[in-house]
Amino acid sequence: MDYAEMNNEALRAFNQKRKIFQIAFVTHDLERSMRHWIEILGVGPWRVAAFTEQTVQNFHVGGVPVDEPFKFLIGISWVGDMEIEIIQPVYGPNIYAAFLAEKGEGLHHIKEQISTEAISSVLQSYRDKQVPVTQSGYFFTDFHHYLDTGPKLDFVYELGNCPDLDLPPGIFTVFPPEAETA
């Protein structure tokens, strides 16, 4: 689909059917960033999970399967129906460390919710526009595909199915931890 050839009415109707699900940021220090979001904006609490070779399947960076250890920490909170994500790369291949080195901390990506049934055709439409996938993988049933939109949009665009995950115990912690009561 060539969006530039759509008239304004068609473009508006097309976009009313879409859902931006998430805004995400990268940081060198996840705990510091989550604390600042709580103190300054009142956003929290945060669910924190480690994404590693044990929790992420079919992980690719630059189209290449990752077969070495990797880890990045992710904090998730909500403002209304918008998911806020903060990511701290720890080690191994990922697109977050390179982004931090090049641009520093801040906005990394916006995530659009795409149904599992539609993802193949949507990805193909971006490939047809010469927009490749820079990183992809599965965290349980949640898939992610990051598009190489940075050179033209100054941020990354992510596509994902955004399921409501029922995670097993021990997969995430909560920040800040609840204060123990006496």
N, C-alpha and C. Protein backbone atom coordinates (compact mmCIF):
# COMPACT_ATOMS: atom_id res chain seq x y z
N MET A 1 0.85 -1.18 0.00
CA MET A 1 0.00 0.00 0.00
C MET A 1 0.89 1.24 0.00
N ASP A 2 0.62 2.15 -0.88
CA ASP A 2 1.36 3.41 -0.95
C ASP A 2 0.54 4.49 -0.24
N TYR A 3 0.94 4.78 1.00
CA TYR A 3 0.20 5.75 1.81
C TYR A 3 0.21 7.14 1.18
N ALA A 4 1.29 7.49 0.50
CA ALA A 4 1.41 8.83 -0.09
C ALA A 4 0.37 9.06 -1.18
N GLU A 5 -0.15 8.00 -1.76
CA GLU A 5 -1.15 8.15 -2.81
C GLU A 5 -2.58 8.20 -2.27
N MET A 6 -2.74 7.99 -0.96
CA MET A 6 -4.08 8.05 -0.36
C MET A 6 -4.50 9.51 -0.21
N ASN A 7 -5.78 9.78 -0.42
CA ASN A 7 -6.26 11.13 -0.12
C ASN A 7 -6.43 11.25 1.39
N ASN A 8 -6.66 12.45 1.87
CA ASN A 8 -6.72 12.68 3.32
C ASN A 8 -7.81 11.87 3.99
N GLU A 9 -8.96 11.76 3.36
CA GLU A 9 -10.07 11.00 3.95
C GLU A 9 -9.69 9.52 4.08
N ALA A 10 -9.09 8.95 3.06
CA ALA A 10 -8.68 7.55 3.11
C ALA A 10 -7.58 7.33 4.14
N LEU A 11 -6.64 8.26 4.22
CA LEU A 11 -5.56 8.15 5.20
C LEU A 11 -6.10 8.23 6.62
N ARG A 12 -7.04 9.16 6.85
CA ARG A 12 -7.66 9.30 8.17
C ARG A 12 -8.42 8.03 8.54
N ALA A 13 -9.20 7.50 7.62
CA ALA A 13 -9.96 6.27 7.88
C ALA A 13 -9.03 5.09 8.15
N PHE A 14 -7.95 5.01 7.39
CA PHE A 14 -6.96 3.94 7.60
C PHE A 14 -6.37 4.02 9.01
N ASN A 15 -6.00 5.22 9.44
CA ASN A 15 -5.35 5.38 10.74
C ASN A 15 -6.31 5.21 11.91
N GLN A 16 -7.60 5.44 11.70
CA GLN A 16 -8.56 5.24 12.79
C GLN A 16 -8.68 3.76 13.15
N LYS A 17 -8.26 2.87 12.28
CA LYS A 17 -8.32 1.44 12.54
C LYS A 17 -7.06 0.91 13.21
N ARG A 18 -6.05 1.75 13.34
CA ARG A 18 -4.76 1.32 13.90
C ARG A 18 -4.71 1.62 15.39
N LYS A 19 -3.77 0.93 16.10
CA LYS A 19 -3.61 1.18 17.53
C LYS A 19 -2.13 1.29 17.87
N ILE A 20 -1.74 2.47 18.37
CA ILE A 20 -0.41 2.63 18.95
C ILE A 20 -0.54 2.14 20.38
N PHE A 21 0.22 1.11 20.71
CA PHE A 21 0.09 0.41 21.98
C PHE A 21 1.11 0.86 23.01
N GLN A 22 2.30 1.25 22.53
CA GLN A 22 3.41 1.44 23.46
C GLN A 22 4.33 2.57 22.99
N ILE A 23 4.90 3.27 23.98
CA ILE A 23 6.00 4.20 23.76
C ILE A 23 7.15 3.69 24.62
N ALA A 24 8.35 3.60 24.02
CA ALA A 24 9.47 2.99 24.74
C ALA A 24 10.71 3.87 24.71
N PHE A 25 11.47 3.76 25.78
CA PHE A 25 12.68 4.56 25.98
C PHE A 25 13.83 3.62 26.31
N VAL A 26 15.06 4.06 26.01
CA VAL A 26 16.24 3.30 26.41
C VAL A 26 17.02 4.11 27.43
N THR A 27 17.71 3.39 28.30
CA THR A 27 18.44 4.01 29.40
C THR A 27 19.68 3.19 29.73
N HIS A 28 20.63 3.83 30.39
CA HIS A 28 21.80 3.12 30.92
C HIS A 28 21.49 2.54 32.30
N ASP A 29 20.45 3.07 32.96
CA ASP A 29 20.16 2.69 34.35
C ASP A 29 18.64 2.59 34.54
N LEU A 30 18.12 1.38 34.42
CA LEU A 30 16.67 1.17 34.49
C LEU A 30 16.09 1.63 35.82
N GLU A 31 16.72 1.26 36.93
CA GLU A 31 16.17 1.63 38.23
C GLU A 31 16.09 3.14 38.40
N ARG A 32 17.15 3.85 38.00
CA ARG A 32 17.14 5.31 38.08
C ARG A 32 16.00 5.89 37.25
N SER A 33 15.85 5.38 36.02
CA SER A 33 14.80 5.89 35.13
C SER A 33 13.41 5.63 35.69
N MET A 34 13.16 4.42 36.20
CA MET A 34 11.85 4.12 36.77
C MET A 34 11.57 5.02 37.97
N ARG A 35 12.59 5.23 38.80
CA ARG A 35 12.41 6.10 39.97
C ARG A 35 12.04 7.51 39.52
N HIS A 36 12.71 8.02 38.48
CA HIS A 36 12.39 9.37 37.99
C HIS A 36 10.98 9.44 37.42
N TRP A 37 10.55 8.42 36.69
CA TRP A 37 9.17 8.40 36.16
C TRP A 37 8.16 8.45 37.31
N ILE A 38 8.45 7.74 38.40
CA ILE A 38 7.55 7.75 39.56
C ILE A 38 7.58 9.11 40.23
N GLU A 39 8.78 9.63 40.54
CA GLU A 39 8.91 10.87 41.30
C GLU A 39 8.40 12.09 40.53
N ILE A 40 8.67 12.15 39.23
CA ILE A 40 8.34 13.34 38.46
C ILE A 40 6.95 13.26 37.81
N LEU A 41 6.61 12.09 37.27
CA LEU A 41 5.36 11.96 36.51
C LEU A 41 4.28 11.14 37.21
N GLY A 42 4.64 10.47 38.31
CA GLY A 42 3.67 9.62 38.98
C GLY A 42 3.34 8.36 38.22
N VAL A 43 4.24 7.91 37.35
CA VAL A 43 4.02 6.70 36.55
C VAL A 43 4.68 5.52 37.24
N GLY A 44 3.90 4.50 37.53
CA GLY A 44 4.37 3.29 38.18
C GLY A 44 3.17 2.59 38.77
N PRO A 45 3.33 1.48 39.45
CA PRO A 45 4.58 0.73 39.61
C PRO A 45 5.00 0.09 38.29
N TRP A 46 6.19 -0.48 38.27
CA TRP A 46 6.79 -1.07 37.08
C TRP A 46 6.97 -2.56 37.26
N ARG A 47 6.61 -3.31 36.22
CA ARG A 47 6.93 -4.74 36.17
C ARG A 47 8.25 -4.86 35.42
N VAL A 48 9.21 -5.51 36.03
CA VAL A 48 10.56 -5.60 35.48
C VAL A 48 10.88 -7.05 35.14
N ALA A 49 11.34 -7.27 33.93
CA ALA A 49 11.72 -8.62 33.48
C ALA A 49 13.06 -8.56 32.77
N ALA A 50 13.79 -9.66 32.86
CA ALA A 50 15.04 -9.82 32.12
C ALA A 50 14.73 -10.60 30.84
N PHE A 51 15.10 -10.03 29.72
CA PHE A 51 14.97 -10.72 28.44
C PHE A 51 16.33 -11.34 28.14
N THR A 52 16.36 -12.66 28.08
CA THR A 52 17.60 -13.41 27.87
C THR A 52 17.33 -14.54 26.88
N GLU A 53 18.37 -15.30 26.60
CA GLU A 53 18.20 -16.45 25.71
C GLU A 53 17.26 -17.50 26.32
N GLN A 54 16.99 -17.44 27.63
CA GLN A 54 16.03 -18.35 28.26
C GLN A 54 14.58 -17.87 28.12
N THR A 55 14.37 -16.56 27.97
CA THR A 55 13.00 -16.04 27.93
C THR A 55 12.57 -15.55 26.55
N VAL A 56 13.51 -15.35 25.65
CA VAL A 56 13.18 -14.87 24.30
C VAL A 56 13.54 -15.96 23.29
N GLN A 57 12.60 -16.32 22.46
CA GLN A 57 12.81 -17.35 21.45
C GLN A 57 12.91 -16.70 20.07
N ASN A 58 13.58 -17.41 19.17
CA ASN A 58 13.69 -16.99 17.77
C ASN A 58 14.18 -15.54 17.67
N PHE A 59 15.20 -15.21 18.48
CA PHE A 59 15.73 -13.84 18.56
C PHE A 59 16.71 -13.59 17.42
N HIS A 60 16.45 -12.54 16.66
CA HIS A 60 17.30 -12.15 15.53
C HIS A 60 17.68 -10.68 15.67
N VAL A 61 18.92 -10.36 15.36
CA VAL A 61 19.38 -8.98 15.29
C VAL A 61 20.03 -8.80 13.92
N GLY A 62 19.57 -7.81 13.17
CA GLY A 62 20.07 -7.60 11.83
C GLY A 62 19.80 -8.76 10.90
N GLY A 63 18.71 -9.49 11.16
CA GLY A 63 18.34 -10.63 10.34
C GLY A 63 19.11 -11.90 10.64
N VAL A 64 20.01 -11.86 11.62
CA VAL A 64 20.86 -13.00 11.95
C VAL A 64 20.39 -13.61 13.28
N PRO A 65 20.19 -14.93 13.33
CA PRO A 65 19.81 -15.56 14.60
C PRO A 65 20.90 -15.34 15.66
N VAL A 66 20.48 -14.99 16.86
CA VAL A 66 21.42 -14.77 17.96
C VAL A 66 21.64 -16.10 18.67
N ASP A 67 22.89 -16.54 18.68
CA ASP A 67 23.21 -17.82 19.32
C ASP A 67 24.22 -17.65 20.45
N GLU A 68 24.34 -16.44 20.96
CA GLU A 68 25.21 -16.17 22.10
C GLU A 68 24.38 -15.57 23.22
N PRO A 69 24.89 -15.61 24.44
CA PRO A 69 24.13 -15.05 25.56
C PRO A 69 23.83 -13.56 25.37
N PHE A 70 22.66 -13.15 25.81
CA PHE A 70 22.28 -11.74 25.77
C PHE A 70 21.36 -11.46 26.94
N LYS A 71 21.30 -10.19 27.29
CA LYS A 71 20.40 -9.78 28.37
C LYS A 71 20.07 -8.30 28.21
N PHE A 72 18.80 -7.99 28.32
CA PHE A 72 18.36 -6.61 28.48
C PHE A 72 17.21 -6.62 29.46
N LEU A 73 17.14 -5.57 30.26
CA LEU A 73 16.11 -5.43 31.28
C LEU A 73 15.01 -4.53 30.75
N ILE A 74 13.78 -4.89 31.07
CA ILE A 74 12.63 -4.13 30.59
C ILE A 74 11.72 -3.81 31.77
N GLY A 75 11.35 -2.54 31.88
CA GLY A 75 10.36 -2.11 32.86
C GLY A 75 9.11 -1.66 32.12
N ILE A 76 7.95 -2.13 32.59
CA ILE A 76 6.67 -1.81 31.94
C ILE A 76 5.73 -1.18 32.97
N SER A 77 5.09 -0.08 32.58
CA SER A 77 4.03 0.52 33.38
C SER A 77 2.97 1.04 32.41
N TRP A 78 1.90 1.55 32.94
CA TRP A 78 0.78 2.01 32.11
C TRP A 78 0.36 3.42 32.50
N VAL A 79 -0.02 4.20 31.50
CA VAL A 79 -0.68 5.49 31.68
C VAL A 79 -1.94 5.39 30.83
N GLY A 80 -3.09 5.28 31.49
CA GLY A 80 -4.33 5.03 30.75
C GLY A 80 -4.19 3.72 30.01
N ASP A 81 -4.45 3.74 28.70
CA ASP A 81 -4.32 2.50 27.93
C ASP A 81 -3.02 2.46 27.13
N MET A 82 -2.06 3.32 27.50
CA MET A 82 -0.76 3.36 26.81
C MET A 82 0.30 2.68 27.68
N GLU A 83 0.96 1.69 27.09
CA GLU A 83 2.05 1.02 27.78
C GLU A 83 3.32 1.86 27.64
N ILE A 84 4.00 2.07 28.76
CA ILE A 84 5.29 2.75 28.77
C ILE A 84 6.35 1.69 29.08
N GLU A 85 7.38 1.65 28.25
CA GLU A 85 8.44 0.65 28.41
C GLU A 85 9.78 1.37 28.51
N ILE A 86 10.61 0.92 29.43
CA ILE A 86 11.98 1.42 29.54
C ILE A 86 12.91 0.21 29.44
N ILE A 87 13.95 0.33 28.61
CA ILE A 87 14.84 -0.79 28.32
C ILE A 87 16.28 -0.41 28.67
N GLN A 88 16.94 -1.32 29.37
CA GLN A 88 18.37 -1.17 29.66
C GLN A 88 19.11 -2.36 29.07
N PRO A 89 19.95 -2.15 28.04
CA PRO A 89 20.75 -3.26 27.54
C PRO A 89 21.82 -3.61 28.58
N VAL A 90 22.11 -4.91 28.73
CA VAL A 90 23.11 -5.35 29.70
C VAL A 90 24.32 -5.95 28.97
N TYR A 91 24.08 -6.96 28.11
CA TYR A 91 25.16 -7.53 27.30
C TYR A 91 24.58 -8.30 26.13
N GLY A 92 25.46 -8.61 25.20
CA GLY A 92 25.06 -9.38 24.03
C GLY A 92 24.45 -8.52 22.95
N PRO A 93 24.15 -9.15 21.80
CA PRO A 93 23.61 -8.40 20.67
C PRO A 93 22.18 -7.92 20.92
N ASN A 94 21.94 -6.67 20.57
CA ASN A 94 20.60 -6.07 20.59
C ASN A 94 20.72 -4.70 19.94
N ILE A 95 19.61 -4.12 19.57
CA ILE A 95 19.64 -2.81 18.92
C ILE A 95 19.68 -1.66 19.92
N TYR A 96 19.45 -1.93 21.19
CA TYR A 96 19.36 -0.87 22.19
C TYR A 96 20.71 -0.26 22.52
N ALA A 97 21.74 -1.09 22.67
CA ALA A 97 23.08 -0.59 23.02
C ALA A 97 23.61 0.32 21.92
N ALA A 98 23.42 -0.08 20.67
CA ALA A 98 23.89 0.75 19.55
C ALA A 98 23.14 2.09 19.53
N PHE A 99 21.85 2.05 19.80
CA PHE A 99 21.05 3.27 19.84
C PHE A 99 21.56 4.20 20.94
N LEU A 100 21.82 3.64 22.14
CA LEU A 100 22.34 4.44 23.24
C LEU A 100 23.67 5.07 22.88
N ALA A 101 24.56 4.29 22.25
CA ALA A 101 25.87 4.81 21.88
C ALA A 101 25.77 5.94 20.86
N GLU A 102 24.82 5.81 19.94
CA GLU A 102 24.68 6.81 18.88
C GLU A 102 23.87 8.03 19.29
N LYS A 103 22.75 7.81 20.00
CA LYS A 103 21.82 8.91 20.28
C LYS A 103 21.66 9.23 21.76
N GLY A 104 22.08 8.34 22.63
CA GLY A 104 21.92 8.57 24.05
C GLY A 104 20.56 8.11 24.55
N GLU A 105 20.30 8.38 25.82
CA GLU A 105 19.06 7.94 26.45
C GLU A 105 17.87 8.73 25.90
N GLY A 106 16.71 8.09 25.92
CA GLY A 106 15.49 8.77 25.50
C GLY A 106 14.59 7.90 24.67
N LEU A 107 13.71 8.54 23.90
CA LEU A 107 12.74 7.83 23.08
C LEU A 107 13.44 6.88 22.13
N HIS A 108 13.04 5.63 22.14
CA HIS A 108 13.60 4.63 21.23
C HIS A 108 12.59 4.20 20.18
N HIS A 109 11.40 3.77 20.63
CA HIS A 109 10.43 3.28 19.65
C HIS A 109 8.99 3.51 20.07
N ILE A 110 8.14 3.42 19.07
CA ILE A 110 6.69 3.42 19.23
C ILE A 110 6.22 2.09 18.67
N LYS A 111 5.31 1.43 19.39
CA LYS A 111 4.86 0.09 18.99
C LYS A 111 3.41 0.12 18.53
N GLU A 112 3.20 -0.42 17.34
CA GLU A 112 1.84 -0.56 16.82
C GLU A 112 1.39 -2.00 17.01
N GLN A 113 0.16 -2.15 17.48
CA GLN A 113 -0.41 -3.49 17.66
C GLN A 113 -0.89 -4.02 16.32
N ILE A 114 -0.38 -5.20 15.97
CA ILE A 114 -0.73 -5.88 14.72
C ILE A 114 -1.19 -7.29 15.08
N SER A 115 -2.27 -7.74 14.51
CA SER A 115 -2.75 -9.08 14.83
C SER A 115 -1.77 -10.14 14.32
N THR A 116 -1.78 -11.27 14.98
CA THR A 116 -0.93 -12.39 14.58
C THR A 116 -1.24 -12.79 13.15
N GLU A 117 -2.50 -12.74 12.77
CA GLU A 117 -2.91 -13.13 11.42
C GLU A 117 -2.40 -12.16 10.36
N ALA A 118 -2.23 -10.90 10.71
CA ALA A 118 -1.86 -9.87 9.72
C ALA A 118 -0.36 -9.60 9.64
N ILE A 119 0.42 -10.09 10.62
CA ILE A 119 1.82 -9.66 10.70
C ILE A 119 2.63 -9.98 9.45
N SER A 120 2.44 -11.14 8.85
CA SER A 120 3.24 -11.49 7.66
C SER A 120 3.01 -10.50 6.53
N SER A 121 1.76 -10.17 6.26
CA SER A 121 1.48 -9.24 5.16
C SER A 121 1.94 -7.83 5.49
N VAL A 122 1.82 -7.42 6.75
CA VAL A 122 2.27 -6.09 7.14
C VAL A 122 3.79 -5.99 7.01
N LEU A 123 4.51 -7.02 7.48
CA LEU A 123 5.97 -7.02 7.33
C LEU A 123 6.37 -6.97 5.86
N GLN A 124 5.66 -7.71 5.02
CA GLN A 124 5.97 -7.70 3.59
C GLN A 124 5.75 -6.31 3.00
N SER A 125 4.71 -5.62 3.44
CA SER A 125 4.47 -4.27 2.91
C SER A 125 5.63 -3.33 3.25
N TYR A 126 6.23 -3.50 4.44
CA TYR A 126 7.39 -2.68 4.79
C TYR A 126 8.63 -3.11 4.00
N ARG A 127 8.82 -4.41 3.82
CA ARG A 127 9.94 -4.88 3.00
C ARG A 127 9.82 -4.32 1.58
N ASP A 128 8.61 -4.28 1.06
CA ASP A 128 8.39 -3.72 -0.28
C ASP A 128 8.80 -2.25 -0.36
N LYS A 129 8.77 -1.56 0.79
CA LYS A 129 9.18 -0.15 0.85
C LYS A 129 10.65 -0.01 1.25
N GLN A 130 11.38 -1.12 1.24
CA GLN A 130 12.80 -1.13 1.60
C GLN A 130 13.02 -0.74 3.07
N VAL A 131 12.10 -1.15 3.94
CA VAL A 131 12.23 -0.92 5.37
C VAL A 131 12.43 -2.29 6.02
N PRO A 132 13.67 -2.65 6.33
CA PRO A 132 13.94 -3.98 6.88
C PRO A 132 13.66 -4.06 8.38
N VAL A 133 13.59 -5.28 8.87
CA VAL A 133 13.47 -5.56 10.30
C VAL A 133 14.87 -5.62 10.88
N THR A 134 15.10 -4.87 11.98
CA THR A 134 16.43 -4.85 12.60
C THR A 134 16.55 -5.80 13.78
N GLN A 135 15.43 -6.13 14.42
CA GLN A 135 15.46 -7.07 15.55
C GLN A 135 14.07 -7.69 15.67
N SER A 136 14.03 -8.97 16.02
CA SER A 136 12.75 -9.64 16.20
C SER A 136 12.91 -10.80 17.17
N GLY A 137 11.79 -11.22 17.74
CA GLY A 137 11.81 -12.36 18.65
C GLY A 137 10.46 -12.52 19.33
N TYR A 138 10.39 -13.56 20.14
CA TYR A 138 9.19 -13.89 20.89
C TYR A 138 9.50 -13.94 22.38
N PHE A 139 8.72 -13.21 23.18
CA PHE A 139 8.74 -13.32 24.63
C PHE A 139 7.43 -14.00 25.00
N PHE A 140 7.49 -15.30 25.23
CA PHE A 140 6.30 -16.13 25.38
C PHE A 140 5.48 -15.99 24.10
N THR A 141 4.23 -15.51 24.16
CA THR A 141 3.42 -15.37 22.94
C THR A 141 3.49 -13.96 22.34
N ASP A 142 4.26 -13.09 22.95
CA ASP A 142 4.38 -11.70 22.49
C ASP A 142 5.52 -11.59 21.48
N PHE A 143 5.19 -11.32 20.21
CA PHE A 143 6.26 -11.14 19.23
C PHE A 143 6.57 -9.67 19.04
N HIS A 144 7.82 -9.41 18.64
CA HIS A 144 8.20 -8.04 18.29
C HIS A 144 9.04 -8.05 17.02
N HIS A 145 8.83 -7.03 16.21
CA HIS A 145 9.59 -6.80 14.98
C HIS A 145 9.89 -5.30 14.94
N TYR A 146 11.17 -4.96 15.07
CA TYR A 146 11.57 -3.56 14.99
C TYR A 146 11.92 -3.22 13.55
N LEU A 147 11.36 -2.14 13.05
CA LEU A 147 11.62 -1.70 11.68
C LEU A 147 12.72 -0.64 11.68
N ASP A 148 13.52 -0.63 10.64
CA ASP A 148 14.62 0.32 10.51
C ASP A 148 14.10 1.67 10.00
N THR A 149 13.34 2.35 10.85
CA THR A 149 12.76 3.64 10.49
C THR A 149 13.59 4.81 11.01
N GLY A 150 14.60 4.53 11.81
CA GLY A 150 15.41 5.59 12.42
C GLY A 150 15.99 6.59 11.45
N PRO A 151 16.57 6.15 10.32
CA PRO A 151 17.18 7.12 9.41
C PRO A 151 16.20 8.17 8.87
N LYS A 152 14.93 7.82 8.72
CA LYS A 152 13.96 8.79 8.17
C LYS A 152 13.03 9.38 9.22
N LEU A 153 12.79 8.66 10.31
CA LEU A 153 11.84 9.14 11.32
C LEU A 153 12.50 9.56 12.63
N ASP A 154 13.77 9.26 12.81
CA ASP A 154 14.52 9.56 14.03
C ASP A 154 14.06 8.76 15.24
N PHE A 155 13.30 7.72 15.03
CA PHE A 155 12.96 6.75 16.07
C PHE A 155 12.66 5.43 15.37
N VAL A 156 12.62 4.37 16.15
CA VAL A 156 12.34 3.03 15.64
C VAL A 156 10.84 2.78 15.73
N TYR A 157 10.30 2.06 14.76
CA TYR A 157 8.89 1.68 14.79
C TYR A 157 8.82 0.18 15.02
N GLU A 158 8.04 -0.23 15.99
CA GLU A 158 7.91 -1.65 16.34
C GLU A 158 6.52 -2.14 15.98
N LEU A 159 6.46 -3.37 15.53
CA LEU A 159 5.19 -4.06 15.29
C LEU A 159 5.13 -5.24 16.25
N GLY A 160 3.98 -5.44 16.90
CA GLY A 160 3.83 -6.57 17.81
C GLY A 160 2.37 -6.91 18.02
N ASN A 161 2.12 -8.12 18.49
CA ASN A 161 0.74 -8.55 18.70
C ASN A 161 0.18 -8.12 20.06
N CYS A 162 1.02 -7.77 21.01
CA CYS A 162 0.62 -7.16 22.28
C CYS A 162 -0.42 -7.98 23.05
N PRO A 163 -0.17 -9.29 23.23
CA PRO A 163 -1.15 -10.08 23.97
C PRO A 163 -1.13 -9.75 25.46
N ASP A 164 -2.18 -10.10 26.14
CA ASP A 164 -2.23 -9.96 27.59
C ASP A 164 -1.52 -11.19 28.16
N LEU A 165 -0.27 -11.01 28.58
CA LEU A 165 0.54 -12.14 29.03
C LEU A 165 0.23 -12.53 30.46
N ASP A 166 0.02 -13.81 30.67
CA ASP A 166 -0.13 -14.37 32.01
C ASP A 166 1.20 -15.05 32.32
N LEU A 167 2.14 -14.28 32.88
CA LEU A 167 3.50 -14.77 33.07
C LEU A 167 3.61 -15.67 34.29
N PRO A 168 4.43 -16.72 34.17
CA PRO A 168 4.64 -17.60 35.32
C PRO A 168 5.38 -16.88 36.45
N PRO A 169 5.24 -17.39 37.67
CA PRO A 169 5.92 -16.77 38.81
C PRO A 169 7.44 -16.70 38.58
N GLY A 170 8.03 -15.62 39.08
CA GLY A 170 9.47 -15.48 38.99
C GLY A 170 9.97 -14.82 37.72
N ILE A 171 9.10 -14.56 36.76
CA ILE A 171 9.53 -13.95 35.49
C ILE A 171 9.74 -12.45 35.67
N PHE A 172 8.97 -11.82 36.55
CA PHE A 172 9.14 -10.38 36.73
C PHE A 172 9.12 -10.03 38.21
N THR A 173 9.67 -8.86 38.50
CA THR A 173 9.60 -8.27 39.83
C THR A 173 8.84 -6.96 39.69
N VAL A 174 8.51 -6.35 40.81
CA VAL A 174 7.79 -5.08 40.80
C VAL A 174 8.69 -4.01 41.41
N PHE A 175 8.73 -2.86 40.75
CA PHE A 175 9.48 -1.71 41.25
C PHE A 175 8.52 -0.53 41.37
N PRO A 176 8.52 0.19 42.49
CA PRO A 176 9.31 -0.13 43.67
C PRO A 176 8.67 -1.28 44.43
N PRO A 177 9.48 -2.02 45.17
CA PRO A 177 8.89 -3.11 45.95
C PRO A 177 7.96 -2.52 47.02
N GLU A 178 6.91 -3.26 47.32
CA GLU A 178 6.00 -2.82 48.38
C GLU A 178 6.76 -2.76 49.69
N ALA A 179 6.51 -1.70 50.45
CA ALA A 179 7.13 -1.60 51.77
C ALA A 179 6.51 -2.65 52.68
N GLU A 180 7.35 -3.28 53.46
CA GLU A 180 6.84 -4.28 54.40
C GLU A 180 6.08 -3.57 55.51
N THR A 181 4.94 -4.14 55.89
CA THR A 181 4.15 -3.53 56.96
C THR A 181 4.52 -4.19 58.27
N ALA A 182 4.41 -3.42 59.31
CA ALA A 182 4.77 -3.93 60.64
C ALA A 182 3.65 -4.72 61.25
